[in-house]
Structures are given as C-alpha cells and as structure tokens.
Amino acid sequence: MVWRTNSSHPTAPQRSCGLGHLHRLFQAPHIHFWVLQAELQPWERELLATYPNVTVVEPLPDFGETAAWVAALDGVITVDTAIAHLAGALAKPVWILLPQVADWRWGHDETTVWHPTARLWRQPAPGDWDSVIARLALTLAVPGQPERAQRFWQAGAERYQQGDILGAARAWRWAAAHEAIAPCGNCG
C-alpha cells in the first residue's frame, strides 16, 4: 500500500491520496496490508498501529529490497509512483489510484499497455479519492472470480499460440485486472 508520492514532485498534491481516505480499505479483515510508504509521519504510524491487519514495513534501503517485497506480495495498491511501475515490471497485480487528470502514460481506460497486470482506478472528479476508495473497497469485499479469470488466462494463451497477440494481451489484461488481488490476503 502506497498512498503518497514524493512531496517534491510538482504534481504530488494531485497524485497523492491522504491516509485518512484509506480507512475503509483497512476494515477488510480478510486482507493483510503491508505499508511500503516512504517517509511516514509519526501520526501516520500511530494511526496505522490501530489496525490489526496492517503492518508497516520499515524504510527500505534500496530499490532491490523494495522489489523483493513487491515480489512477495499477492498484489499492490498504490498511487502513481515508482512502486506502480515496479509492480508492473514484476508482473504483479497492481491497482493504481489515479487523479481525474492523470499523466499521459496511463491513457483513458481501466488498463494500460505499459503494465498488463495493472488496473487503473480514476477519480470521477478532481480530488475525489472517496469515490475511488469506495469502489476499490467494494471490489475487495467481493471474493475474486478465479474460475472466470483462469478462463481468460487460458484464452489469452490460445490466442497467443494462434498469432493473435493483441487478442492475447486483451484477455490477459482482463484476467489480471479482475482476478482477486489478494487471494491469500497479502496486499502491499
């Protein structure tokens, strides 16, 4: 779980989602959240300590160790940060929380060509993180559809073998975006 970008970035205020918005997510008892957020404030640590299903990962010394953590998780929920790209590069399911007007690379859909395992969650209006978190919480509350997702993984493989690369990519993106992100309950 990462909710804030580097504060020195010019678009940090638009891309960052305040910790207070995430309360609804942390109420999912069947999911354990691992916080990979850099530069936690003391009040954030105190608040996170009140949730029994949240563990704060101490500051990671380098990107290699961050990659090891991401690889160990079932999926990642993050705002538009390097962690989003790292999870995508590692082919981990990653749900990326985006402002209404996001960077060009994210396009306009729920998926992105850059990271087939990513699902994009956009604000419906500038600054409206509550709607994004409400939709995400509903999705986390509903068990995944592993059988249906498995059929899409298989359909993608079949299309790939037939030479339909674009069809395969579409099927795989659907499977990655709709498969339960935390079937084993470990979400970063």
C-alpha atoms as a PDB file:
ATOM      1  CA  MET A   1       0.000   0.000   0.000  1.00  0.00           C
ATOM      2  CA  VAL A   2       1.395   3.362  -1.081  1.00  0.00           C
ATOM      3  CA  TRP A   3      -0.783   6.499  -0.932  1.00  0.00           C
ATOM      4  CA  ARG A   4       1.632   9.391  -1.327  1.00  0.00           C
ATOM      5  CA  THR A   5       4.188  10.359  -3.957  1.00  0.00           C
ATOM      6  CA  ASN A   6       7.461  12.148  -3.380  1.00  0.00           C
ATOM      7  CA  SER A   7       6.434  15.514  -1.922  1.00  0.00           C
ATOM      8  CA  SER A   8       8.990  17.370  -4.053  1.00  0.00           C
ATOM      9  CA  HIS A   9       7.287  16.289  -7.298  1.00  0.00           C
ATOM     10  CA  PRO A  10       5.262  19.160  -8.819  1.00  0.00           C
ATOM     11  CA  THR A  11       2.088  17.054  -9.182  1.00  0.00           C
ATOM     12  CA  ALA A  12       2.346  15.398  -5.752  1.00  0.00           C
ATOM     13  CA  PRO A  13      -0.767  17.123  -4.347  1.00  0.00           C
ATOM     14  CA  GLN A  14      -2.947  15.792  -7.186  1.00  0.00           C
ATOM     15  CA  ARG A  15      -1.405  12.298  -7.306  1.00  0.00           C
ATOM     16  CA  SER A  16      -1.333  11.638  -3.553  1.00  0.00           C
ATOM     17  CA  CYS A  17      -4.280  10.218  -1.637  1.00  0.00           C
ATOM     18  CA  GLY A  18      -4.379  11.098   2.053  1.00  0.00           C
ATOM     19  CA  LEU A  19      -4.125   8.249   4.540  1.00  0.00           C
ATOM     20  CA  GLY A  20      -7.490   9.256   6.014  1.00  0.00           C
ATOM     21  CA  HIS A  21      -9.223   8.128   2.821  1.00  0.00           C
ATOM     22  CA  LEU A  22      -7.941   4.557   3.235  1.00  0.00           C
ATOM     23  CA  HIS A  23      -9.801   3.768   6.477  1.00  0.00           C
ATOM     24  CA  ARG A  24     -12.497   1.898   4.553  1.00  0.00           C
ATOM     25  CA  LEU A  25      -9.921  -0.398   2.930  1.00  0.00           C
ATOM     26  CA  PHE A  26      -8.243  -1.270   6.207  1.00  0.00           C
ATOM     27  CA  GLN A  27     -11.580  -2.517   7.535  1.00  0.00           C
ATOM     28  CA  ALA A  28     -11.343  -5.603   5.291  1.00  0.00           C
ATOM     29  CA  PRO A  29     -10.427  -8.238   7.904  1.00  0.00           C
ATOM     30  CA  HIS A  30      -9.590 -10.908   5.320  1.00  0.00           C
ATOM     31  CA  ILE A  31      -6.750  -8.843   3.845  1.00  0.00           C
ATOM     32  CA  HIS A  32      -3.438  -8.034   5.476  1.00  0.00           C
ATOM     33  CA  PHE A  33      -1.973  -4.755   4.244  1.00  0.00           C
ATOM     34  CA  TRP A  34       1.775  -4.192   4.112  1.00  0.00           C
ATOM     35  CA  VAL A  35       2.609  -0.491   4.041  1.00  0.00           C
ATOM     36  CA  LEU A  36       5.541   0.293   1.736  1.00  0.00           C
ATOM     37  CA  GLN A  37       5.011   4.054   2.045  1.00  0.00           C
ATOM     38  CA  ALA A  38       8.243   6.035   2.330  1.00  0.00           C
ATOM     39  CA  GLU A  39       8.658   8.863   4.833  1.00  0.00           C
ATOM     40  CA  LEU A  40       5.815   8.040   7.211  1.00  0.00           C
ATOM     41  CA  GLN A  41       4.842  10.791   9.613  1.00  0.00           C
ATOM     42  CA  PRO A  42       4.632   9.895  13.350  1.00  0.00           C
ATOM     43  CA  TRP A  43       0.848  10.430  13.353  1.00  0.00           C
ATOM     44  CA  GLU A  44       0.529   8.048  10.382  1.00  0.00           C
ATOM     45  CA  ARG A  45       2.431   5.332  12.256  1.00  0.00           C
ATOM     46  CA  GLU A  46       0.167   5.808  15.273  1.00  0.00           C
ATOM     47  CA  LEU A  47      -2.971   5.588  13.157  1.00  0.00           C
ATOM     48  CA  LEU A  48      -1.775   2.511  11.257  1.00  0.00           C
ATOM     49  CA  ALA A  49      -0.917   0.780  14.551  1.00  0.00           C
ATOM     50  CA  THR A  50      -4.635   0.789  15.417  1.00  0.00           C
ATOM     51  CA  TYR A  51      -5.395  -1.657  12.588  1.00  0.00           C
ATOM     52  CA  PRO A  52      -4.596  -5.295  13.411  1.00  0.00           C
ATOM     53  CA  ASN A  53      -4.356  -6.203   9.717  1.00  0.00           C
ATOM     54  CA  VAL A  54      -1.813  -3.509   8.792  1.00  0.00           C
ATOM     55  CA  THR A  55       1.952  -3.898   9.063  1.00  0.00           C
ATOM     56  CA  VAL A  56       4.337  -1.037   8.373  1.00  0.00           C
ATOM     57  CA  VAL A  57       7.465  -2.099   6.514  1.00  0.00           C
ATOM     58  CA  GLU A  58      10.422  -0.153   7.831  1.00  0.00           C
ATOM     59  CA  PRO A  59      12.125   2.160   5.334  1.00  0.00           C
ATOM     60  CA  LEU A  60      13.670   0.099   2.569  1.00  0.00           C
ATOM     61  CA  PRO A  61      17.324   0.902   1.872  1.00  0.00           C
ATOM     62  CA  ASP A  62      17.201   0.431  -1.900  1.00  0.00           C
ATOM     63  CA  PHE A  63      15.026  -0.464  -4.857  1.00  0.00           C
ATOM     64  CA  GLY A  64      16.305  -4.054  -4.888  1.00  0.00           C
ATOM     65  CA  GLU A  65      14.849  -4.682  -1.451  1.00  0.00           C
ATOM     66  CA  THR A  66      11.666  -2.890  -2.463  1.00  0.00           C
ATOM     67  CA  ALA A  67      11.423  -5.238  -5.464  1.00  0.00           C
ATOM     68  CA  ALA A  68      11.820  -8.236  -3.147  1.00  0.00           C
ATOM     69  CA  TRP A  69       8.923  -7.004  -1.003  1.00  0.00           C
ATOM     70  CA  VAL A  70       6.712  -6.363  -4.019  1.00  0.00           C
ATOM     71  CA  ALA A  71       7.527  -9.816  -5.413  1.00  0.00           C
ATOM     72  CA  ALA A  72       6.467 -11.421  -2.119  1.00  0.00           C
ATOM     73  CA  LEU A  73       3.037  -9.772  -2.077  1.00  0.00           C
ATOM     74  CA  ASP A  74      -0.133 -11.018  -3.758  1.00  0.00           C
ATOM     75  CA  GLY A  75      -0.727  -7.559  -5.188  1.00  0.00           C
ATOM     76  CA  VAL A  76      -0.043  -3.868  -4.755  1.00  0.00           C
ATOM     77  CA  ILE A  77      -2.351  -0.882  -4.305  1.00  0.00           C
ATOM     78  CA  THR A  78      -0.583   2.393  -4.989  1.00  0.00           C
ATOM     79  CA  VAL A  79      -0.895   5.879  -6.359  1.00  0.00           C
ATOM     80  CA  ASP A  80       1.159   6.883  -9.420  1.00  0.00           C
ATOM     81  CA  THR A  81       4.651   6.236  -8.058  1.00  0.00           C
ATOM     82  CA  ALA A  82       7.719   4.206  -8.972  1.00  0.00           C
ATOM     83  CA  ILE A  83       6.151   1.342  -6.969  1.00  0.00           C
ATOM     84  CA  ALA A  84       3.371   1.145  -9.592  1.00  0.00           C
ATOM     85  CA  HIS A  85       5.928   0.675 -12.344  1.00  0.00           C
ATOM     86  CA  LEU A  86       7.994  -1.743 -10.276  1.00  0.00           C
ATOM     87  CA  ALA A  87       4.959  -3.943  -9.598  1.00  0.00           C
ATOM     88  CA  GLY A  88       4.025  -3.798 -13.276  1.00  0.00           C
ATOM     89  CA  ALA A  89       7.551  -4.719 -14.346  1.00  0.00           C
ATOM     90  CA  LEU A  90       7.466  -7.678 -11.948  1.00  0.00           C
ATOM     91  CA  ALA A  91       4.091  -8.721 -13.447  1.00  0.00           C
ATOM     92  CA  LYS A  92       2.388  -8.443 -10.061  1.00  0.00           C
ATOM     93  CA  PRO A  93      -1.276  -7.464  -9.925  1.00  0.00           C
ATOM     94  CA  VAL A  94      -1.226  -3.734  -9.230  1.00  0.00           C
ATOM     95  CA  TRP A  95      -4.145  -1.398  -8.682  1.00  0.00           C
ATOM     96  CA  ILE A  96      -3.130   2.170  -9.405  1.00  0.00           C
ATOM     97  CA  LEU A  97      -5.124   5.059  -7.914  1.00  0.00           C
ATOM     98  CA  LEU A  98      -5.104   7.984 -10.324  1.00  0.00           C
ATOM     99  CA  PRO A  99      -6.320  11.575 -10.238  1.00  0.00           C
ATOM    100  CA  GLN A 100      -9.019  12.516 -12.728  1.00  0.00           C
ATOM    101  CA  VAL A 101      -6.402  14.104 -14.968  1.00  0.00           C
ATOM    102  CA  ALA A 102      -3.537  11.631 -14.859  1.00  0.00           C
ATOM    103  CA  ASP A 103      -0.201  11.533 -16.607  1.00  0.00           C
ATOM    104  CA  TRP A 104      -0.438  10.770 -20.351  1.00  0.00           C
ATOM    105  CA  ARG A 105       1.101   7.316 -19.999  1.00  0.00           C
ATOM    106  CA  TRP A 106      -1.973   5.952 -18.211  1.00  0.00           C
ATOM    107  CA  GLY A 107      -4.293   6.625 -21.148  1.00  0.00           C
ATOM    108  CA  HIS A 108      -8.048   6.774 -20.524  1.00  0.00           C
ATOM    109  CA  ASP A 109      -9.047   3.151 -19.838  1.00  0.00           C
ATOM    110  CA  GLU A 110      -9.032   0.842 -16.808  1.00  0.00           C
ATOM    111  CA  THR A 111      -5.931  -0.872 -18.164  1.00  0.00           C
ATOM    112  CA  THR A 112      -2.638   0.254 -19.641  1.00  0.00           C
ATOM    113  CA  VAL A 113      -0.452  -1.131 -22.395  1.00  0.00           C
ATOM    114  CA  TRP A 114       2.609  -0.481 -20.224  1.00  0.00           C
ATOM    115  CA  HIS A 115       1.679  -2.948 -17.493  1.00  0.00           C
ATOM    116  CA  PRO A 116      -0.759  -5.746 -18.454  1.00  0.00           C
ATOM    117  CA  THR A 117      -1.263  -6.707 -14.787  1.00  0.00           C
ATOM    118  CA  ALA A 118      -2.394  -3.197 -13.811  1.00  0.00           C
ATOM    119  CA  ARG A 119      -5.913  -1.992 -13.174  1.00  0.00           C
ATOM    120  CA  LEU A 120      -6.427   1.768 -13.101  1.00  0.00           C
ATOM    121  CA  TRP A 121      -8.789   3.428 -10.605  1.00  0.00           C
ATOM    122  CA  ARG A 122      -9.530   7.048 -11.573  1.00  0.00           C
ATOM    123  CA  GLN A 123     -11.143   9.876  -9.676  1.00  0.00           C
ATOM    124  CA  PRO A 124     -14.524  10.788 -11.200  1.00  0.00           C
ATOM    125  CA  ALA A 125     -13.856  14.432 -10.263  1.00  0.00           C
ATOM    126  CA  PRO A 126     -10.714  16.312  -9.204  1.00  0.00           C
ATOM    127  CA  GLY A 127      -9.768  15.470  -5.620  1.00  0.00           C
ATOM    128  CA  ASP A 128     -12.480  12.806  -5.212  1.00  0.00           C
ATOM    129  CA  TRP A 129     -10.499   9.986  -3.609  1.00  0.00           C
ATOM    130  CA  ASP A 130     -13.506   8.875  -1.539  1.00  0.00           C
ATOM    131  CA  SER A 131     -15.316   7.541  -4.628  1.00  0.00           C
ATOM    132  CA  VAL A 132     -12.196   5.727  -5.791  1.00  0.00           C
ATOM    133  CA  ILE A 133     -11.673   4.100  -2.396  1.00  0.00           C
ATOM    134  CA  ALA A 134     -15.369   3.187  -2.105  1.00  0.00           C
ATOM    135  CA  ARG A 135     -15.250   1.335  -5.450  1.00  0.00           C
ATOM    136  CA  LEU A 136     -11.995  -0.344  -4.531  1.00  0.00           C
ATOM    137  CA  ALA A 137     -13.340  -1.398  -1.113  1.00  0.00           C
ATOM    138  CA  LEU A 138     -16.410  -2.947  -2.747  1.00  0.00           C
ATOM    139  CA  THR A 139     -14.188  -4.881  -5.120  1.00  0.00           C
ATOM    140  CA  LEU A 140     -12.001  -6.133  -2.275  1.00  0.00           C
ATOM    141  CA  ALA A 141     -15.085  -7.168  -0.296  1.00  0.00           C
ATOM    142  CA  VAL A 142     -16.301  -9.434  -3.117  1.00  0.00           C
ATOM    143  CA  PRO A 143     -14.344 -12.651  -3.482  1.00  0.00           C
ATOM    144  CA  GLY A 144     -12.408 -12.897  -6.729  1.00  0.00           C
ATOM    145  CA  GLN A 145     -13.594 -14.828  -9.703  1.00  0.00           C
ATOM    146  CA  PRO A 146     -10.681 -17.260 -10.027  1.00  0.00           C
ATOM    147  CA  GLU A 147     -12.502 -19.627 -12.387  1.00  0.00           C
ATOM    148  CA  ARG A 148     -13.508 -16.859 -14.796  1.00  0.00           C
ATOM    149  CA  ALA A 149     -10.084 -15.223 -14.605  1.00  0.00           C
ATOM    150  CA  GLN A 150      -8.481 -18.615 -15.269  1.00  0.00           C
ATOM    151  CA  ARG A 151     -10.579 -18.975 -18.432  1.00  0.00           C
ATOM    152  CA  PHE A 152      -9.297 -15.593 -19.627  1.00  0.00           C
ATOM    153  CA  TRP A 153      -5.678 -16.581 -18.873  1.00  0.00           C
ATOM    154  CA  GLN A 154      -6.234 -19.741 -20.919  1.00  0.00           C
ATOM    155  CA  ALA A 155      -7.995 -17.871 -23.745  1.00  0.00           C
ATOM    156  CA  GLY A 156      -5.050 -15.480 -23.875  1.00  0.00           C
ATOM    157  CA  ALA A 157      -2.616 -18.381 -24.207  1.00  0.00           C
ATOM    158  CA  GLU A 158      -4.701 -19.888 -27.014  1.00  0.00           C
ATOM    159  CA  ARG A 159      -4.887 -16.580 -28.874  1.00  0.00           C
ATOM    160  CA  TYR A 160      -1.156 -16.107 -28.461  1.00  0.00           C
ATOM    161  CA  GLN A 161      -0.474 -19.553 -29.958  1.00  0.00           C
ATOM    162  CA  GLN A 162      -2.754 -18.642 -32.881  1.00  0.00           C
ATOM    163  CA  GLY A 163      -0.721 -15.493 -33.511  1.00  0.00           C
ATOM    164  CA  ASP A 164      -3.372 -13.096 -32.174  1.00  0.00           C
ATOM    165  CA  ILE A 165      -1.025 -11.099 -29.960  1.00  0.00           C
ATOM    166  CA  LEU A 166      -3.446  -8.206 -29.386  1.00  0.00           C
ATOM    167  CA  GLY A 167      -6.287 -10.581 -28.505  1.00  0.00           C
ATOM    168  CA  ALA A 168      -4.000 -12.417 -26.103  1.00  0.00           C
ATOM    169  CA  ALA A 169      -2.954  -9.160 -24.446  1.00  0.00           C
ATOM    170  CA  ARG A 170      -6.597  -8.077 -24.029  1.00  0.00           C
ATOM    171  CA  ALA A 171      -7.536 -11.404 -22.433  1.00  0.00           C
ATOM    172  CA  TRP A 172      -4.541 -11.355 -20.110  1.00  0.00           C
ATOM    173  CA  ARG A 173      -5.216  -7.729 -19.091  1.00  0.00           C
ATOM    174  CA  TRP A 174      -8.809  -8.618 -18.244  1.00  0.00           C
ATOM    175  CA  ALA A 175      -7.714 -11.624 -16.196  1.00  0.00           C
ATOM    176  CA  ALA A 176      -5.084  -9.646 -14.302  1.00  0.00           C
ATOM    177  CA  ALA A 177      -7.417  -6.733 -13.627  1.00  0.00           C
ATOM    178  CA  HIS A 178     -10.359  -8.821 -12.432  1.00  0.00           C
ATOM    179  CA  GLU A 179      -8.663 -11.644 -10.603  1.00  0.00           C
ATOM    180  CA  ALA A 180      -8.733 -11.200  -6.833  1.00  0.00           C
ATOM    181  CA  ILE A 181      -5.739  -9.073  -5.946  1.00  0.00           C
ATOM    182  CA  ALA A 182      -5.303 -10.603  -2.516  1.00  0.00           C
ATOM    183  CA  PRO A 183      -6.472 -14.236  -2.570  1.00  0.00           C
ATOM    184  CA  CYS A 184      -4.005 -15.099   0.163  1.00  0.00           C
ATOM    185  CA  GLY A 185      -4.592 -11.854   1.988  1.00  0.00           C
ATOM    186  CA  ASN A 186      -1.252 -10.098   1.481  1.00  0.00           C
ATOM    187  CA  CYS A 187      -1.584  -6.742  -0.162  1.00  0.00           C
ATOM    188  CA  GLY A 188       1.056  -4.036  -0.284  1.00  0.00           C
END
